[in-house]
Amino acid sequence: MDLEDLKRLRRARDVMDRDYAEPLDVPALARVAMMSAGHFSRSFRAAYGETPYSYLMTRRVERAKALLRRGDLSVTDVCFAVGCTSLGSFSTRFTELVGESPSAYKARDHEPGAPIPACVAKVRTRPVRNPVGDPVGNPVGDPVGDPVRNPVRNPVRNREA
């Protein structure tokens, strides 16, 4: 990938970071990057390790977490405020990235505590998708979630025994 393509991809990523609440789709972002939709999607994934839609939803969930911590908006209001048009899709993606539903996240006590620098808070509160192939959500390499190293949780049984 050449430097010009990376500049164009960065421009589209900046639009997603800034205008996450707007109705953005791959063709619109591809126009910003001056690429075809297919080339844009492939290039974005190659450069950033995730699809444009996944990146956009991660930004939206980050913002939703901040709005839910405030506590003055309902989950539905937060859903629409961050640019999602379906409460069900928003809740599903939120739960996938955060590990709990938006309403459970909102209900949890978010102590203000000592002030944390914004750069640290952003890194610590960024949603992280579960590793592929680990439906339990255990960290990669965790022996508890590994059916080979922990046969107690292995659903495959020896039929000869």
N, C-alpha and C. Protein backbone atom coordinates (compact mmCIF):
# COMPACT_ATOMS: atom_id res chain seq x y z
N MET A 1 0.86 -1.17 0.00
CA MET A 1 0.00 0.00 0.00
C MET A 1 0.90 1.24 0.00
N ASP A 2 0.58 2.18 -0.86
CA ASP A 2 1.43 3.36 -0.96
C ASP A 2 0.98 4.46 0.00
N LEU A 3 1.81 5.45 0.12
CA LEU A 3 1.58 6.54 1.07
C LEU A 3 0.31 7.33 0.75
N GLU A 4 0.00 7.51 -0.54
CA GLU A 4 -1.22 8.24 -0.91
C GLU A 4 -2.47 7.51 -0.43
N ASP A 5 -2.49 6.18 -0.59
CA ASP A 5 -3.64 5.41 -0.11
C ASP A 5 -3.79 5.55 1.40
N LEU A 6 -2.68 5.51 2.12
CA LEU A 6 -2.74 5.66 3.58
C LEU A 6 -3.27 7.02 3.99
N LYS A 7 -2.89 8.07 3.26
CA LYS A 7 -3.41 9.41 3.54
C LYS A 7 -4.92 9.46 3.34
N ARG A 8 -5.39 8.83 2.27
CA ARG A 8 -6.83 8.82 1.98
C ARG A 8 -7.59 8.01 3.04
N LEU A 9 -7.01 6.89 3.44
CA LEU A 9 -7.65 6.08 4.48
C LEU A 9 -7.71 6.84 5.80
N ARG A 10 -6.65 7.56 6.10
CA ARG A 10 -6.62 8.36 7.34
C ARG A 10 -7.69 9.44 7.31
N ARG A 11 -7.89 10.04 6.13
CA ARG A 11 -8.93 11.05 5.98
C ARG A 11 -10.31 10.46 6.29
N ALA A 12 -10.57 9.26 5.77
CA ALA A 12 -11.85 8.60 6.04
C ALA A 12 -11.97 8.21 7.51
N ARG A 13 -10.88 7.74 8.10
CA ARG A 13 -10.91 7.38 9.53
C ARG A 13 -11.15 8.62 10.39
N ASP A 14 -10.57 9.74 10.01
CA ASP A 14 -10.81 10.99 10.74
C ASP A 14 -12.28 11.40 10.66
N VAL A 15 -12.91 11.18 9.51
CA VAL A 15 -14.34 11.47 9.37
C VAL A 15 -15.13 10.59 10.32
N MET A 16 -14.77 9.31 10.42
CA MET A 16 -15.49 8.41 11.34
C MET A 16 -15.29 8.85 12.79
N ASP A 17 -14.08 9.28 13.14
CA ASP A 17 -13.81 9.73 14.51
C ASP A 17 -14.60 11.00 14.83
N ARG A 18 -14.70 11.89 13.87
CA ARG A 18 -15.34 13.19 14.11
C ARG A 18 -16.85 13.12 13.94
N ASP A 19 -17.33 12.43 12.90
CA ASP A 19 -18.75 12.44 12.56
C ASP A 19 -19.41 11.09 12.84
N TYR A 20 -19.01 10.42 13.92
CA TYR A 20 -19.52 9.08 14.23
C TYR A 20 -21.04 9.04 14.36
N ALA A 21 -21.65 10.16 14.76
CA ALA A 21 -23.10 10.20 14.98
C ALA A 21 -23.88 10.42 13.69
N GLU A 22 -23.18 10.71 12.61
CA GLU A 22 -23.84 10.91 11.32
C GLU A 22 -24.09 9.55 10.66
N PRO A 23 -25.04 9.50 9.74
CA PRO A 23 -25.28 8.23 9.03
C PRO A 23 -24.17 7.97 8.01
N LEU A 24 -23.16 7.24 8.42
CA LEU A 24 -22.02 6.93 7.56
C LEU A 24 -22.13 5.50 7.06
N ASP A 25 -21.80 5.30 5.81
CA ASP A 25 -21.75 3.94 5.26
C ASP A 25 -20.48 3.82 4.42
N VAL A 26 -20.17 2.61 4.01
CA VAL A 26 -18.92 2.35 3.29
C VAL A 26 -18.85 3.16 1.99
N PRO A 27 -19.90 3.22 1.17
CA PRO A 27 -19.77 4.02 -0.05
C PRO A 27 -19.46 5.50 0.22
N ALA A 28 -20.07 6.08 1.25
CA ALA A 28 -19.80 7.48 1.58
C ALA A 28 -18.35 7.65 2.05
N LEU A 29 -17.88 6.73 2.88
CA LEU A 29 -16.50 6.81 3.35
C LEU A 29 -15.52 6.57 2.22
N ALA A 30 -15.88 5.68 1.30
CA ALA A 30 -15.02 5.42 0.13
C ALA A 30 -14.89 6.68 -0.72
N ARG A 31 -15.98 7.44 -0.84
CA ARG A 31 -15.92 8.70 -1.59
C ARG A 31 -14.95 9.68 -0.91
N VAL A 32 -14.98 9.73 0.42
CA VAL A 32 -14.06 10.59 1.15
C VAL A 32 -12.61 10.19 0.86
N ALA A 33 -12.38 8.88 0.77
CA ALA A 33 -11.03 8.36 0.51
C ALA A 33 -10.70 8.33 -0.97
N MET A 34 -11.67 8.71 -1.81
CA MET A 34 -11.49 8.71 -3.27
C MET A 34 -11.08 7.33 -3.78
N MET A 35 -11.84 6.32 -3.33
CA MET A 35 -11.61 4.93 -3.73
C MET A 35 -12.95 4.28 -4.02
N SER A 36 -12.92 3.15 -4.69
CA SER A 36 -14.15 2.37 -4.84
C SER A 36 -14.47 1.75 -3.48
N ALA A 37 -15.71 1.38 -3.28
CA ALA A 37 -16.13 0.83 -1.98
C ALA A 37 -15.37 -0.45 -1.66
N GLY A 38 -15.21 -1.33 -2.63
CA GLY A 38 -14.50 -2.59 -2.39
C GLY A 38 -13.03 -2.37 -2.07
N HIS A 39 -12.38 -1.51 -2.85
CA HIS A 39 -10.96 -1.24 -2.60
C HIS A 39 -10.78 -0.56 -1.24
N PHE A 40 -11.70 0.35 -0.91
CA PHE A 40 -11.63 1.03 0.37
C PHE A 40 -11.74 0.04 1.52
N SER A 41 -12.73 -0.85 1.46
CA SER A 41 -12.91 -1.83 2.54
C SER A 41 -11.69 -2.73 2.70
N ARG A 42 -11.17 -3.25 1.59
CA ARG A 42 -9.99 -4.12 1.66
C ARG A 42 -8.78 -3.36 2.19
N SER A 43 -8.57 -2.15 1.70
CA SER A 43 -7.41 -1.35 2.12
C SER A 43 -7.51 -0.95 3.59
N PHE A 44 -8.72 -0.57 4.02
CA PHE A 44 -8.92 -0.17 5.41
C PHE A 44 -8.60 -1.33 6.34
N ARG A 45 -9.11 -2.50 6.00
CA ARG A 45 -8.86 -3.68 6.83
C ARG A 45 -7.37 -4.03 6.85
N ALA A 46 -6.70 -3.90 5.72
CA ALA A 46 -5.27 -4.20 5.66
C ALA A 46 -4.47 -3.19 6.50
N ALA A 47 -4.89 -1.94 6.48
CA ALA A 47 -4.15 -0.90 7.19
C ALA A 47 -4.43 -0.89 8.68
N TYR A 48 -5.69 -1.10 9.08
CA TYR A 48 -6.08 -0.93 10.48
C TYR A 48 -6.50 -2.22 11.18
N GLY A 49 -6.56 -3.32 10.47
CA GLY A 49 -6.85 -4.60 11.11
C GLY A 49 -8.31 -4.87 11.41
N GLU A 50 -9.21 -4.01 10.95
CA GLU A 50 -10.64 -4.22 11.14
C GLU A 50 -11.39 -3.53 10.02
N THR A 51 -12.63 -3.92 9.84
CA THR A 51 -13.43 -3.33 8.76
C THR A 51 -13.83 -1.90 9.13
N PRO A 52 -14.17 -1.10 8.13
CA PRO A 52 -14.63 0.26 8.44
C PRO A 52 -15.85 0.27 9.36
N TYR A 53 -16.79 -0.64 9.12
CA TYR A 53 -17.99 -0.71 9.97
C TYR A 53 -17.62 -1.05 11.41
N SER A 54 -16.72 -1.99 11.59
CA SER A 54 -16.29 -2.37 12.94
C SER A 54 -15.61 -1.20 13.64
N TYR A 55 -14.77 -0.48 12.92
CA TYR A 55 -14.09 0.68 13.49
C TYR A 55 -15.11 1.74 13.91
N LEU A 56 -16.07 2.01 13.03
CA LEU A 56 -17.09 3.02 13.33
C LEU A 56 -17.92 2.61 14.54
N MET A 57 -18.32 1.35 14.62
CA MET A 57 -19.12 0.90 15.76
C MET A 57 -18.32 0.96 17.06
N THR A 58 -17.02 0.71 16.99
CA THR A 58 -16.19 0.83 18.19
C THR A 58 -16.17 2.28 18.67
N ARG A 59 -16.05 3.23 17.75
CA ARG A 59 -16.10 4.65 18.13
C ARG A 59 -17.45 4.98 18.76
N ARG A 60 -18.53 4.48 18.16
CA ARG A 60 -19.86 4.77 18.68
C ARG A 60 -20.06 4.17 20.07
N VAL A 61 -19.55 2.98 20.29
CA VAL A 61 -19.68 2.34 21.61
C VAL A 61 -18.84 3.10 22.63
N GLU A 62 -17.65 3.56 22.25
CA GLU A 62 -16.85 4.38 23.17
C GLU A 62 -17.63 5.60 23.63
N ARG A 63 -18.25 6.29 22.70
CA ARG A 63 -19.02 7.49 23.03
C ARG A 63 -20.25 7.12 23.85
N ALA A 64 -20.88 6.00 23.52
CA ALA A 64 -22.06 5.55 24.26
C ALA A 64 -21.70 5.26 25.71
N LYS A 65 -20.54 4.67 25.94
CA LYS A 65 -20.12 4.39 27.31
C LYS A 65 -20.02 5.68 28.11
N ALA A 66 -19.45 6.71 27.51
CA ALA A 66 -19.33 8.00 28.21
C ALA A 66 -20.71 8.59 28.52
N LEU A 67 -21.62 8.52 27.56
CA LEU A 67 -22.97 9.05 27.78
C LEU A 67 -23.73 8.24 28.83
N LEU A 68 -23.56 6.93 28.82
CA LEU A 68 -24.23 6.09 29.82
C LEU A 68 -23.68 6.33 31.22
N ARG A 69 -22.38 6.60 31.33
CA ARG A 69 -21.79 6.90 32.65
C ARG A 69 -22.36 8.17 33.24
N ARG A 70 -22.71 9.13 32.38
CA ARG A 70 -23.32 10.36 32.87
C ARG A 70 -24.64 10.08 33.57
N GLY A 71 -25.41 9.15 33.02
CA GLY A 71 -26.63 8.70 33.68
C GLY A 71 -27.88 9.50 33.41
N ASP A 72 -27.82 10.58 32.63
CA ASP A 72 -29.00 11.40 32.43
C ASP A 72 -29.77 11.06 31.16
N LEU A 73 -29.28 10.11 30.37
CA LEU A 73 -29.96 9.71 29.14
C LEU A 73 -30.36 8.24 29.22
N SER A 74 -31.48 7.90 28.58
CA SER A 74 -31.88 6.49 28.52
C SER A 74 -31.00 5.77 27.49
N VAL A 75 -31.03 4.46 27.53
CA VAL A 75 -30.25 3.67 26.57
C VAL A 75 -30.71 3.98 25.14
N THR A 76 -32.01 4.14 24.94
CA THR A 76 -32.53 4.46 23.62
C THR A 76 -32.01 5.82 23.15
N ASP A 77 -32.02 6.81 24.03
CA ASP A 77 -31.52 8.14 23.67
C ASP A 77 -30.04 8.07 23.32
N VAL A 78 -29.27 7.31 24.06
CA VAL A 78 -27.84 7.16 23.79
C VAL A 78 -27.64 6.47 22.44
N CYS A 79 -28.42 5.46 22.18
CA CYS A 79 -28.34 4.73 20.91
C CYS A 79 -28.46 5.70 19.73
N PHE A 80 -29.48 6.54 19.75
CA PHE A 80 -29.69 7.47 18.66
C PHE A 80 -28.69 8.62 18.68
N ALA A 81 -28.22 9.01 19.85
CA ALA A 81 -27.25 10.10 19.96
C ALA A 81 -25.90 9.75 19.34
N VAL A 82 -25.56 8.47 19.34
CA VAL A 82 -24.26 8.06 18.78
C VAL A 82 -24.37 7.63 17.31
N GLY A 83 -25.57 7.76 16.73
CA GLY A 83 -25.71 7.50 15.31
C GLY A 83 -26.24 6.14 14.93
N CYS A 84 -26.63 5.33 15.89
CA CYS A 84 -27.21 4.03 15.57
C CYS A 84 -28.70 4.21 15.32
N THR A 85 -29.24 3.42 14.41
CA THR A 85 -30.66 3.55 14.07
C THR A 85 -31.48 2.37 14.59
N SER A 86 -30.82 1.35 15.11
CA SER A 86 -31.53 0.19 15.63
C SER A 86 -31.06 -0.09 17.05
N LEU A 87 -31.99 -0.06 17.99
CA LEU A 87 -31.65 -0.32 19.39
C LEU A 87 -31.14 -1.74 19.57
N GLY A 88 -31.74 -2.69 18.85
CA GLY A 88 -31.30 -4.08 18.96
C GLY A 88 -29.87 -4.28 18.47
N SER A 89 -29.54 -3.71 17.32
CA SER A 89 -28.18 -3.83 16.78
C SER A 89 -27.18 -3.13 17.70
N PHE A 90 -27.57 -1.96 18.20
CA PHE A 90 -26.70 -1.22 19.11
C PHE A 90 -26.44 -2.04 20.37
N SER A 91 -27.49 -2.59 20.97
CA SER A 91 -27.34 -3.37 22.20
C SER A 91 -26.48 -4.61 21.96
N THR A 92 -26.68 -5.27 20.84
CA THR A 92 -25.90 -6.46 20.52
C THR A 92 -24.42 -6.11 20.39
N ARG A 93 -24.11 -5.06 19.63
CA ARG A 93 -22.71 -4.68 19.43
C ARG A 93 -22.10 -4.18 20.74
N PHE A 94 -22.85 -3.41 21.51
CA PHE A 94 -22.37 -2.91 22.79
C PHE A 94 -22.00 -4.08 23.70
N THR A 95 -22.90 -5.05 23.79
CA THR A 95 -22.66 -6.22 24.65
C THR A 95 -21.46 -7.01 24.15
N GLU A 96 -21.31 -7.15 22.85
CA GLU A 96 -20.18 -7.86 22.26
C GLU A 96 -18.85 -7.19 22.61
N LEU A 97 -18.82 -5.87 22.55
CA LEU A 97 -17.57 -5.14 22.77
C LEU A 97 -17.27 -4.89 24.25
N VAL A 98 -18.29 -4.64 25.04
CA VAL A 98 -18.09 -4.25 26.44
C VAL A 98 -18.20 -5.44 27.39
N GLY A 99 -19.02 -6.42 27.02
CA GLY A 99 -19.17 -7.59 27.88
C GLY A 99 -20.39 -7.54 28.77
N GLU A 100 -21.16 -6.48 28.66
CA GLU A 100 -22.42 -6.36 29.39
C GLU A 100 -23.36 -5.47 28.59
N SER A 101 -24.65 -5.60 28.85
CA SER A 101 -25.63 -4.83 28.10
C SER A 101 -25.53 -3.35 28.44
N PRO A 102 -26.03 -2.48 27.56
CA PRO A 102 -25.99 -1.04 27.86
C PRO A 102 -26.73 -0.69 29.15
N SER A 103 -27.86 -1.33 29.41
CA SER A 103 -28.61 -1.01 30.63
C SER A 103 -27.86 -1.49 31.87
N ALA A 104 -27.19 -2.64 31.79
CA ALA A 104 -26.39 -3.11 32.92
C ALA A 104 -25.19 -2.19 33.14
N TYR A 105 -24.59 -1.73 32.05
CA TYR A 105 -23.45 -0.81 32.16
C TYR A 105 -23.89 0.51 32.79
N LYS A 106 -25.06 1.00 32.38
CA LYS A 106 -25.57 2.26 32.93
C LYS A 106 -25.88 2.11 34.42
N ALA A 107 -26.45 0.96 34.83
CA ALA A 107 -26.86 0.73 36.21
C ALA A 107 -25.67 0.54 37.14
N ARG A 108 -24.54 0.11 36.60
CA ARG A 108 -23.36 -0.12 37.42
C ARG A 108 -22.85 1.20 37.99
N ASP A 109 -22.29 1.15 39.19
CA ASP A 109 -21.76 2.34 39.84
C ASP A 109 -20.46 2.75 39.17
N HIS A 110 -20.43 3.97 38.67
CA HIS A 110 -19.22 4.52 38.04
C HIS A 110 -18.69 5.62 38.93
N GLU A 111 -17.88 5.23 39.91
CA GLU A 111 -17.36 6.20 40.85
C GLU A 111 -16.48 7.21 40.13
N PRO A 112 -16.67 8.49 40.44
CA PRO A 112 -15.83 9.49 39.79
C PRO A 112 -14.36 9.34 40.18
N GLY A 113 -14.08 9.00 41.44
CA GLY A 113 -12.70 8.77 41.88
C GLY A 113 -11.78 9.93 41.56
N ALA A 114 -10.52 9.62 41.56
CA ALA A 114 -9.50 10.63 41.24
C ALA A 114 -9.54 10.92 39.75
N PRO A 115 -9.22 12.16 39.39
CA PRO A 115 -9.21 12.49 37.96
C PRO A 115 -8.17 11.65 37.21
N ILE A 116 -8.57 11.16 36.07
CA ILE A 116 -7.68 10.36 35.23
C ILE A 116 -7.44 11.15 33.95
N PRO A 117 -6.21 11.23 33.49
CA PRO A 117 -5.96 11.93 32.23
C PRO A 117 -6.79 11.31 31.10
N ALA A 118 -7.28 12.16 30.22
CA ALA A 118 -8.16 11.69 29.14
C ALA A 118 -7.50 10.63 28.28
N CYS A 119 -6.18 10.76 28.05
CA CYS A 119 -5.50 9.77 27.20
C CYS A 119 -5.49 8.40 27.87
N VAL A 120 -5.36 8.36 29.19
CA VAL A 120 -5.37 7.08 29.91
C VAL A 120 -6.78 6.51 29.93
N ALA A 121 -7.77 7.37 30.18
CA ALA A 121 -9.16 6.91 30.22
C ALA A 121 -9.57 6.35 28.87
N LYS A 122 -9.14 6.96 27.79
CA LYS A 122 -9.50 6.49 26.44
C LYS A 122 -8.95 5.09 26.20
N VAL A 123 -7.71 4.86 26.58
CA VAL A 123 -7.10 3.54 26.37
C VAL A 123 -7.76 2.50 27.26
N ARG A 124 -8.02 2.83 28.52
CA ARG A 124 -8.56 1.87 29.47
C ARG A 124 -10.04 1.55 29.22
N THR A 125 -10.78 2.47 28.62
CA THR A 125 -12.21 2.24 28.42
C THR A 125 -12.54 1.84 26.99
N ARG A 126 -11.54 1.67 26.13
CA ARG A 126 -11.82 1.28 24.74
C ARG A 126 -12.36 -0.14 24.70
N PRO A 127 -13.48 -0.33 24.03
CA PRO A 127 -14.04 -1.67 23.93
C PRO A 127 -13.10 -2.58 23.14
N VAL A 128 -13.00 -3.82 23.56
CA VAL A 128 -12.15 -4.79 22.89
C VAL A 128 -12.99 -6.02 22.57
N ARG A 129 -12.96 -6.41 21.32
CA ARG A 129 -13.72 -7.58 20.88
C ARG A 129 -13.06 -8.84 21.41
N ASN A 130 -13.87 -9.85 21.74
CA ASN A 130 -13.34 -11.14 22.17
C ASN A 130 -12.53 -11.75 21.04
N PRO A 131 -11.44 -12.46 21.37
CA PRO A 131 -10.64 -13.08 20.32
C PRO A 131 -11.48 -14.07 19.51
N VAL A 132 -11.19 -14.16 18.22
CA VAL A 132 -11.91 -15.06 17.34
C VAL A 132 -11.71 -16.49 17.81
N GLY A 133 -12.76 -17.26 17.85
CA GLY A 133 -12.67 -18.66 18.24
C GLY A 133 -12.74 -18.88 19.74
N ASP A 134 -12.96 -17.84 20.51
CA ASP A 134 -13.06 -17.99 21.96
C ASP A 134 -14.43 -17.48 22.40
N PRO A 135 -15.49 -18.29 22.26
CA PRO A 135 -16.83 -17.82 22.59
C PRO A 135 -17.04 -17.57 24.07
N VAL A 136 -16.15 -18.12 24.91
CA VAL A 136 -16.30 -17.93 26.36
C VAL A 136 -15.82 -16.55 26.77
N GLY A 137 -14.92 -15.97 25.99
CA GLY A 137 -14.40 -14.65 26.32
C GLY A 137 -13.17 -14.68 27.19
N ASN A 138 -12.54 -15.85 27.35
CA ASN A 138 -11.33 -15.93 28.14
C ASN A 138 -10.16 -15.35 27.35
N PRO A 139 -9.18 -14.79 28.03
CA PRO A 139 -8.02 -14.27 27.32
C PRO A 139 -7.34 -15.38 26.53
N VAL A 140 -6.72 -14.99 25.41
CA VAL A 140 -6.02 -15.96 24.60
C VAL A 140 -4.90 -16.57 25.44
N GLY A 141 -4.79 -17.88 25.42
CA GLY A 141 -3.75 -18.56 26.20
C GLY A 141 -4.19 -18.92 27.60
N ASP A 142 -5.44 -18.60 27.97
CA ASP A 142 -5.94 -18.91 29.30
C ASP A 142 -6.26 -20.40 29.37
N PRO A 143 -5.60 -21.16 30.25
CA PRO A 143 -5.84 -22.60 30.29
C PRO A 143 -7.26 -22.96 30.69
N VAL A 144 -7.97 -22.10 31.40
CA VAL A 144 -9.34 -22.41 31.79
C VAL A 144 -10.23 -22.49 30.56
N GLY A 145 -10.00 -21.61 29.59
CA GLY A 145 -10.82 -21.59 28.39
C GLY A 145 -10.31 -22.50 27.29
N ASP A 146 -9.23 -23.22 27.52
CA ASP A 146 -8.64 -24.08 26.51
C ASP A 146 -9.06 -25.52 26.75
N PRO A 147 -9.91 -26.08 25.87
CA PRO A 147 -10.41 -27.43 26.09
C PRO A 147 -9.33 -28.50 26.01
N VAL A 148 -8.20 -28.20 25.38
CA VAL A 148 -7.11 -29.19 25.31
C VAL A 148 -6.38 -29.26 26.64
N ARG A 149 -6.07 -28.07 27.20
CA ARG A 149 -5.35 -28.05 28.47
C ARG A 149 -6.27 -28.20 29.66
N ASN A 150 -7.56 -28.01 29.49
CA ASN A 150 -8.52 -28.17 30.57
C ASN A 150 -9.67 -29.04 30.07
N PRO A 151 -9.50 -30.37 30.10
CA PRO A 151 -10.51 -31.25 29.53
C PRO A 151 -11.84 -31.24 30.28
N VAL A 152 -11.89 -30.70 31.48
CA VAL A 152 -13.15 -30.65 32.23
C VAL A 152 -14.17 -29.83 31.46
N ARG A 153 -13.73 -28.76 30.80
CA ARG A 153 -14.65 -27.90 30.06
C ARG A 153 -14.77 -28.32 28.61
N ASN A 154 -14.10 -29.42 28.23
CA ASN A 154 -14.15 -29.88 26.86
C ASN A 154 -15.47 -30.61 26.61
N PRO A 155 -16.32 -30.07 25.70
CA PRO A 155 -17.62 -30.69 25.48
C PRO A 155 -17.53 -32.02 24.71
N VAL A 156 -16.40 -32.32 24.09
CA VAL A 156 -16.26 -33.55 23.32
C VAL A 156 -15.95 -34.69 24.30
N ARG A 157 -16.73 -35.74 24.25
CA ARG A 157 -16.54 -36.86 25.16
C ARG A 157 -15.99 -38.05 24.38
N ASN A 158 -15.26 -38.90 25.05
CA ASN A 158 -14.72 -40.10 24.46
C ASN A 158 -15.85 -41.12 24.34
N ARG A 159 -16.21 -41.50 23.14
CA ARG A 159 -17.35 -42.40 22.92
C ARG A 159 -17.02 -43.84 23.28
N GLU A 160 -15.74 -44.20 23.38
CA GLU A 160 -15.37 -45.57 23.68
C GLU A 160 -15.40 -45.87 25.17
N ALA A 161 -15.40 -44.87 26.00
CA ALA A 161 -15.32 -45.08 27.45
C ALA A 161 -16.61 -45.51 28.05
